[in-house]
């Protein structure tokens, strides 16, 4: 028998599926179990099928009974763009976004689903307002939703990992204000994101080589160069130069050499907090808290963020 007040928080990372089994209580979420399943190698085109096979195996192996879920799509299948919306135009914001995106999509614009939200404060006397757009193929979304259904799951909300991590950060008082940068690295991909005053302002995915995973000099420089591009964009386009902290999650987060390199290059404090620190002492079953090692915990940032989110919004499109 399944548990009615429980939900699975599922992070569909490129290299693994990570799941939290969360009991929803009046006092907040309580993590009952956590699990990881490696995703077999393959191309982006086959990623949904590989994710769903891994998720099915994980559910069977760990005998998870929850039938509801929230999930974060892999960043490799999602596009993010900053778009200027002009309220004076006769076209709706959705129509303006579609028109802007159709020239940069790697797929048929007819197969588009997207969500968007305003970023930053409106500029005085400006005709336009900047919004951050997250776009994905609608058919890919349907593949995931149909796959969840075949596994007996009802998906209540789809998100992307940077948004989920932003939800994690704003639940911790130490991160509630100021401009926080995050870097999350998986097997051969990563992303850089900026959260300011409880709002995700920007994120950019990047590819990294095997050398970066070993944290050789060239590998560190590769990650540093990607972050530099993002910082240059923030300063030049978004006028953000008051970075207060850089947080690391995923591969290498516990590596002191990596943190020292980033501290030296960007001259800001660098930390690798456990995502589970956002949860109160009674928000995790004692046996779960005891079992989560630091090198494992850092990979669950998106899953914890999903567990902390309120009920999600629908995708536009």
Protein backbone atom coordinates (compact mmCIF):
# COMPACT_ATOMS: atom_id res chain seq x y z
CA UNK A 1 0.00 0.00 0.00
CA UNK A 2 1.33 3.42 -0.93
CA UNK A 3 1.62 6.31 1.52
CA UNK A 4 -0.80 9.13 0.63
CA UNK A 5 1.11 11.97 2.28
CA UNK A 6 4.51 11.09 0.79
CA UNK A 7 6.20 12.22 -2.40
CA UNK A 8 9.38 11.42 -4.33
CA UNK A 9 11.74 14.31 -5.11
CA UNK A 10 13.57 13.15 -8.25
CA UNK A 11 16.68 14.79 -9.69
CA UNK A 12 17.29 13.54 -13.23
CA UNK A 13 20.97 14.37 -13.55
CA UNK A 14 22.87 13.46 -16.68
CA UNK A 15 24.91 10.79 -14.93
CA UNK A 16 22.50 9.52 -12.28
CA UNK A 17 18.97 9.55 -10.91
CA UNK A 18 18.80 10.76 -7.31
CA UNK A 19 15.64 10.38 -5.24
CA UNK A 20 14.42 11.48 -1.84
CA UNK A 21 11.36 9.81 -0.33
CA UNK A 22 9.70 12.66 1.53
CA UNK A 23 6.83 12.54 4.03
CA UNK A 24 4.81 15.76 3.94
CA UNK A 25 3.90 16.89 7.44
CA UNK A 26 2.33 20.06 8.82
CA UNK A 27 5.72 21.04 10.24
CA UNK A 28 7.38 20.62 6.83
CA UNK A 29 8.96 17.84 4.76
CA UNK A 30 10.65 14.86 6.42
CA UNK A 31 13.13 12.77 4.42
CA UNK A 32 12.41 9.09 4.97
CA UNK A 33 14.95 7.62 2.54
CA UNK A 34 17.43 8.55 -0.21
CA UNK A 35 18.73 6.57 -3.17
CA UNK A 36 20.92 6.90 -6.27
CA UNK A 37 20.97 4.92 -9.51
CA UNK A 38 23.62 5.39 -12.20
CA UNK A 39 22.34 6.17 -15.70
CA UNK A 40 23.78 4.07 -18.51
CA UNK A 41 25.85 5.89 -21.14
CA UNK A 42 24.21 7.22 -24.30
CA UNK A 43 23.20 10.30 -26.28
CA UNK A 44 20.91 13.17 -25.33
CA UNK A 45 18.23 11.74 -27.63
CA UNK A 46 18.03 8.58 -25.52
CA UNK A 47 18.42 10.31 -22.16
CA UNK A 48 14.69 10.23 -21.19
CA UNK A 49 14.50 6.48 -21.81
CA UNK A 50 17.73 5.86 -19.91
CA UNK A 51 16.54 8.02 -17.01
CA UNK A 52 13.25 6.16 -16.78
CA UNK A 53 14.93 2.73 -16.82
CA UNK A 54 17.26 3.85 -14.04
CA UNK A 55 14.34 5.28 -12.05
CA UNK A 56 12.33 2.07 -12.43
CA UNK A 57 15.28 0.02 -11.23
CA UNK A 58 15.80 2.35 -8.26
CA UNK A 59 12.14 2.17 -7.22
CA UNK A 60 12.13 -1.61 -7.43
CA UNK A 61 15.45 -2.03 -5.61
CA UNK A 62 14.56 0.26 -2.72
CA UNK A 63 10.87 -0.67 -2.69
CA UNK A 64 9.69 2.92 -2.69
CA UNK A 65 5.90 3.08 -2.31
CA UNK A 66 5.18 6.76 -2.94
CA UNK A 67 3.04 7.34 -6.04
CA UNK A 68 3.43 11.11 -6.34
CA UNK A 69 6.58 12.89 -7.46
CA UNK A 70 8.21 16.20 -8.32
CA UNK A 71 11.17 16.14 -10.68
CA UNK A 72 14.00 18.26 -12.09
CA UNK A 73 14.78 17.80 -15.78
CA UNK A 74 18.44 17.46 -16.81
CA UNK A 75 20.07 20.76 -17.77
CA UNK A 76 21.41 19.19 -20.97
CA UNK A 77 17.83 19.05 -22.34
CA UNK A 78 16.85 22.57 -21.26
CA UNK A 79 17.61 25.98 -22.78
CA UNK A 80 17.75 29.19 -20.75
CA UNK A 81 17.69 32.68 -22.25
CA UNK A 82 17.28 36.22 -21.00
CA UNK A 83 14.58 37.92 -23.08
CA UNK A 84 13.49 41.57 -23.10
CA UNK A 85 9.69 41.93 -22.99
CA UNK A 86 8.05 45.14 -24.22
CA UNK A 87 4.64 45.61 -22.54
CA UNK A 88 3.73 48.33 -25.04
CA UNK A 89 3.70 45.87 -27.93
CA UNK A 90 0.39 44.29 -28.96
CA UNK A 91 1.90 40.81 -28.67
CA UNK A 92 1.63 39.05 -25.30
CA UNK A 93 4.80 38.21 -23.36
CA UNK A 94 4.37 34.57 -24.44
CA UNK A 95 4.20 35.57 -28.09
CA UNK A 96 7.27 37.79 -27.79
CA UNK A 97 9.20 34.96 -26.14
CA UNK A 98 8.21 32.49 -28.86
CA UNK A 99 9.31 34.93 -31.55
CA UNK A 100 12.68 35.47 -29.85
CA UNK A 101 13.35 31.79 -29.19
CA UNK A 102 12.43 30.43 -32.61
CA UNK A 103 15.70 31.65 -34.10
CA UNK A 104 17.91 29.92 -31.54
CA UNK A 105 16.15 26.62 -30.83
CA UNK A 106 17.90 23.39 -31.86
CA UNK A 107 14.45 21.83 -32.45
CA UNK A 108 11.17 22.67 -34.20
CA UNK A 109 9.67 25.82 -32.57
CA UNK A 110 6.27 24.13 -32.76
CA UNK A 111 7.57 21.58 -30.26
CA UNK A 112 8.19 24.13 -27.51
CA UNK A 113 7.22 24.42 -23.85
CA UNK A 114 8.60 27.18 -21.66
CA UNK A 115 8.29 29.02 -18.38
CA UNK A 116 9.55 32.52 -17.54
CA UNK A 117 9.75 35.07 -14.73
CA UNK A 118 10.98 38.67 -14.32
CA UNK A 119 14.56 39.15 -13.12
CA UNK A 120 16.03 42.14 -11.35
CA UNK A 121 14.38 45.48 -10.76
CA UNK A 122 12.78 47.39 -13.67
CA UNK A 123 15.13 50.04 -15.07
CA UNK A 124 13.85 53.63 -14.74
CA UNK A 125 12.10 54.85 -17.89
CA UNK A 126 12.87 51.59 -19.68
CA UNK A 127 10.35 50.30 -22.23
CA UNK A 128 11.32 46.69 -21.71
CA UNK A 129 11.51 44.28 -18.79
CA UNK A 130 13.98 41.38 -18.69
CA UNK A 131 12.66 37.90 -18.04
CA UNK A 132 14.53 34.61 -17.65
CA UNK A 133 13.11 31.93 -19.92
CA UNK A 134 13.51 28.17 -19.43
CA UNK A 135 12.56 26.24 -22.57
CA UNK A 136 12.34 22.54 -23.44
CA UNK A 137 10.87 20.33 -26.14
CA UNK A 138 7.24 19.62 -25.30
CA UNK A 139 7.63 16.11 -26.72
CA UNK A 140 10.51 15.46 -24.31
CA UNK A 141 8.33 16.57 -21.40
CA UNK A 142 5.64 14.17 -22.59
CA UNK A 143 8.16 11.31 -22.77
CA UNK A 144 9.02 11.86 -19.13
CA UNK A 145 5.41 12.26 -18.01
CA UNK A 146 4.33 9.13 -19.87
CA UNK A 147 7.31 7.26 -18.43
CA UNK A 148 6.41 8.31 -14.90
CA UNK A 149 2.87 7.12 -15.53
CA UNK A 150 4.10 3.71 -16.67
CA UNK A 151 6.06 3.48 -13.42
CA UNK A 152 2.86 4.20 -11.49
CA UNK A 153 3.89 7.76 -10.60
CA UNK A 154 1.91 10.97 -10.88
CA UNK A 155 4.23 13.92 -11.55
CA UNK A 156 2.89 17.07 -9.89
CA UNK A 157 5.63 19.47 -10.94
CA UNK A 158 8.56 19.58 -13.39
CA UNK A 159 11.43 21.96 -12.74
CA UNK A 160 15.10 22.41 -13.65
CA UNK A 161 18.01 21.82 -11.29
CA UNK A 162 19.16 25.47 -10.94
CA UNK A 163 15.64 26.50 -9.86
CA UNK A 164 15.48 23.63 -7.40
CA UNK A 165 18.86 24.60 -5.92
CA UNK A 166 17.65 28.21 -5.66
CA UNK A 167 14.74 26.90 -3.57
CA UNK A 168 17.29 25.18 -1.35
CA UNK A 169 19.33 28.35 -0.85
CA UNK A 170 16.46 30.67 -0.01
CA UNK A 171 15.30 28.33 2.74
CA UNK A 172 18.55 28.92 4.62
CA UNK A 173 18.69 32.24 6.43
CA UNK A 174 22.40 32.69 5.76
CA UNK A 175 21.67 32.71 2.01
CA UNK A 176 18.41 34.67 2.09
CA UNK A 177 19.93 38.00 1.03
CA UNK A 178 22.75 39.09 -1.25
CA UNK A 179 24.09 37.61 -4.48
CA UNK A 180 25.08 33.95 -4.29
CA UNK A 181 26.75 32.02 -7.10
CA UNK A 182 26.53 28.27 -7.36
CA UNK A 183 28.52 25.76 -9.38
CA UNK A 184 27.25 22.19 -9.71
CA UNK A 185 29.30 19.57 -11.55
CA UNK A 186 28.27 16.12 -12.72
CA UNK A 187 30.31 13.55 -14.64
CA UNK A 188 31.18 15.71 -17.67
CA UNK A 189 28.82 18.67 -17.40
CA UNK A 190 28.17 21.48 -15.02
CA UNK A 191 26.31 24.72 -14.62
CA UNK A 192 26.83 28.12 -13.07
CA UNK A 193 23.86 29.94 -11.52
CA UNK A 194 23.21 33.22 -9.74
CA UNK A 195 20.63 33.72 -7.00
CA UNK A 196 19.98 37.21 -5.68
CA UNK A 197 17.47 38.19 -3.00
CA UNK A 198 15.65 34.86 -3.22
CA UNK A 199 15.43 34.91 -7.02
CA UNK A 200 17.23 32.90 -9.72
CA UNK A 201 18.63 35.54 -12.09
CA UNK A 202 20.83 33.56 -14.45
CA UNK A 203 22.20 30.11 -15.19
CA UNK A 204 24.44 28.67 -17.86
CA UNK A 205 25.35 25.01 -18.47
CA UNK A 206 28.81 24.00 -19.67
CA UNK A 207 30.68 20.92 -20.81
CA UNK A 208 33.85 19.83 -19.02
CA UNK A 209 36.54 17.36 -19.98
CA UNK A 210 37.81 14.33 -18.10
CA UNK A 211 40.82 16.41 -17.15
CA UNK A 212 38.55 18.75 -15.20
CA UNK A 213 37.20 15.81 -13.25
CA UNK A 214 40.73 14.98 -12.12
CA UNK A 215 41.36 18.62 -11.18
CA UNK A 216 44.56 18.95 -13.12
CA UNK A 217 45.78 22.48 -13.86
CA UNK A 218 44.16 22.47 -17.30
CA UNK A 219 40.96 21.00 -15.90
CA UNK A 220 40.68 23.66 -13.22
CA UNK A 221 41.33 26.38 -15.77
CA UNK A 222 38.57 24.98 -17.99
CA UNK A 223 36.00 25.26 -15.21
CA UNK A 224 37.40 28.65 -14.18
CA UNK A 225 37.13 29.94 -17.75
CA UNK A 226 33.47 28.94 -17.92
CA UNK A 227 32.76 30.73 -14.66
CA UNK A 228 34.65 33.79 -15.94
CA UNK A 229 32.36 33.97 -18.98
CA UNK A 230 29.36 33.97 -16.70
CA UNK A 231 30.83 36.59 -14.36
CA UNK A 232 31.69 38.82 -17.34
CA UNK A 233 28.09 38.53 -18.54
CA UNK A 234 26.80 39.41 -15.08
CA UNK A 235 29.00 42.49 -14.77
CA UNK A 236 28.63 43.70 -18.36
CA UNK A 237 24.97 42.93 -19.02
CA UNK A 238 23.30 42.48 -15.66
CA UNK A 239 25.39 45.04 -13.72
CA UNK A 240 25.97 42.53 -10.93
CA UNK A 241 29.40 42.79 -9.34
CA UNK A 242 28.69 42.36 -5.63
CA UNK A 243 29.14 38.60 -5.41
CA UNK A 244 29.12 37.56 -1.77
CA UNK A 245 29.82 33.82 -1.99
CA UNK A 246 30.37 30.90 -4.34
CA UNK A 247 28.83 27.56 -3.35
CA UNK A 248 29.95 24.22 -4.78
CA UNK A 249 27.84 21.10 -5.27
CA UNK A 250 28.45 17.80 -7.00
CA UNK A 251 31.76 16.36 -8.20
CA UNK A 252 34.79 18.03 -6.65
CA UNK A 253 32.79 20.01 -4.10
CA UNK A 254 34.77 18.40 -1.27
CA UNK A 255 38.14 18.89 -3.02
CA UNK A 256 40.15 21.56 -1.19
CA UNK A 257 42.35 22.20 -4.24
CA UNK A 258 39.28 23.06 -6.31
CA UNK A 259 37.94 25.47 -3.67
CA UNK A 260 41.35 27.11 -3.21
CA UNK A 261 41.68 27.61 -6.97
CA UNK A 262 38.27 29.29 -7.24
CA UNK A 263 38.91 31.45 -4.16
CA UNK A 264 42.21 32.64 -5.60
CA UNK A 265 40.85 33.30 -9.10
CA UNK A 266 37.62 35.10 -8.20
CA UNK A 267 38.51 36.59 -4.79
CA UNK A 268 35.28 35.56 -3.10
CA UNK A 269 34.61 33.02 -0.33
CA UNK A 270 34.02 29.49 -1.62
CA UNK A 271 32.15 26.84 0.38
CA UNK A 272 30.69 23.39 -0.16
CA UNK A 273 27.75 23.15 2.28
CA UNK A 274 25.71 19.99 2.68
CA UNK A 275 22.29 20.44 1.02
CA UNK A 276 20.78 18.61 3.99
CA UNK A 277 21.85 21.48 6.27
CA UNK A 278 18.73 23.28 4.97
CA UNK A 279 16.63 20.70 6.80
CA UNK A 280 15.90 20.95 10.51
CA UNK A 281 17.01 18.22 12.90
CA UNK A 282 13.59 16.55 12.82
CA UNK A 283 13.27 16.82 9.01
CA UNK A 284 15.29 13.65 8.44
CA UNK A 285 14.85 10.20 9.86
CA UNK A 286 17.83 9.60 12.20
CA UNK A 287 19.02 6.58 10.22
CA UNK A 288 18.95 8.66 7.02
CA UNK A 289 20.94 11.52 8.51
CA UNK A 290 23.52 9.07 9.84
CA UNK A 291 23.85 7.37 6.44
CA UNK A 292 24.36 10.49 4.32
CA UNK A 293 28.10 11.00 3.88
CA UNK A 294 29.41 14.45 2.76
CA UNK A 295 30.60 13.19 -0.65
CA UNK A 296 27.11 11.77 -1.25
CA UNK A 297 25.12 14.63 0.24
CA UNK A 298 26.57 17.26 -2.10
CA UNK A 299 24.95 15.53 -5.12
CA UNK A 300 21.46 15.88 -3.63
CA UNK A 301 21.22 19.68 -3.81
CA UNK A 302 18.51 19.67 -6.50
CA UNK A 303 16.55 16.85 -4.84
CA UNK A 304 16.55 18.62 -1.47
CA UNK A 305 15.50 21.84 -3.19
CA UNK A 306 12.57 20.03 -4.81
CA UNK A 307 11.54 18.62 -1.45
CA UNK A 308 11.48 22.12 0.01
CA UNK A 309 9.48 23.71 -2.79
CA UNK A 310 5.83 24.57 -2.46
CA UNK A 311 3.49 23.19 -5.10
CA UNK A 312 5.00 24.11 -8.47
CA UNK A 313 3.70 26.25 -11.29
CA UNK A 314 2.73 24.91 -14.68
CA UNK A 315 4.94 25.19 -17.73
CA UNK A 316 3.83 27.79 -20.25
CA UNK A 317 3.55 26.91 -23.91
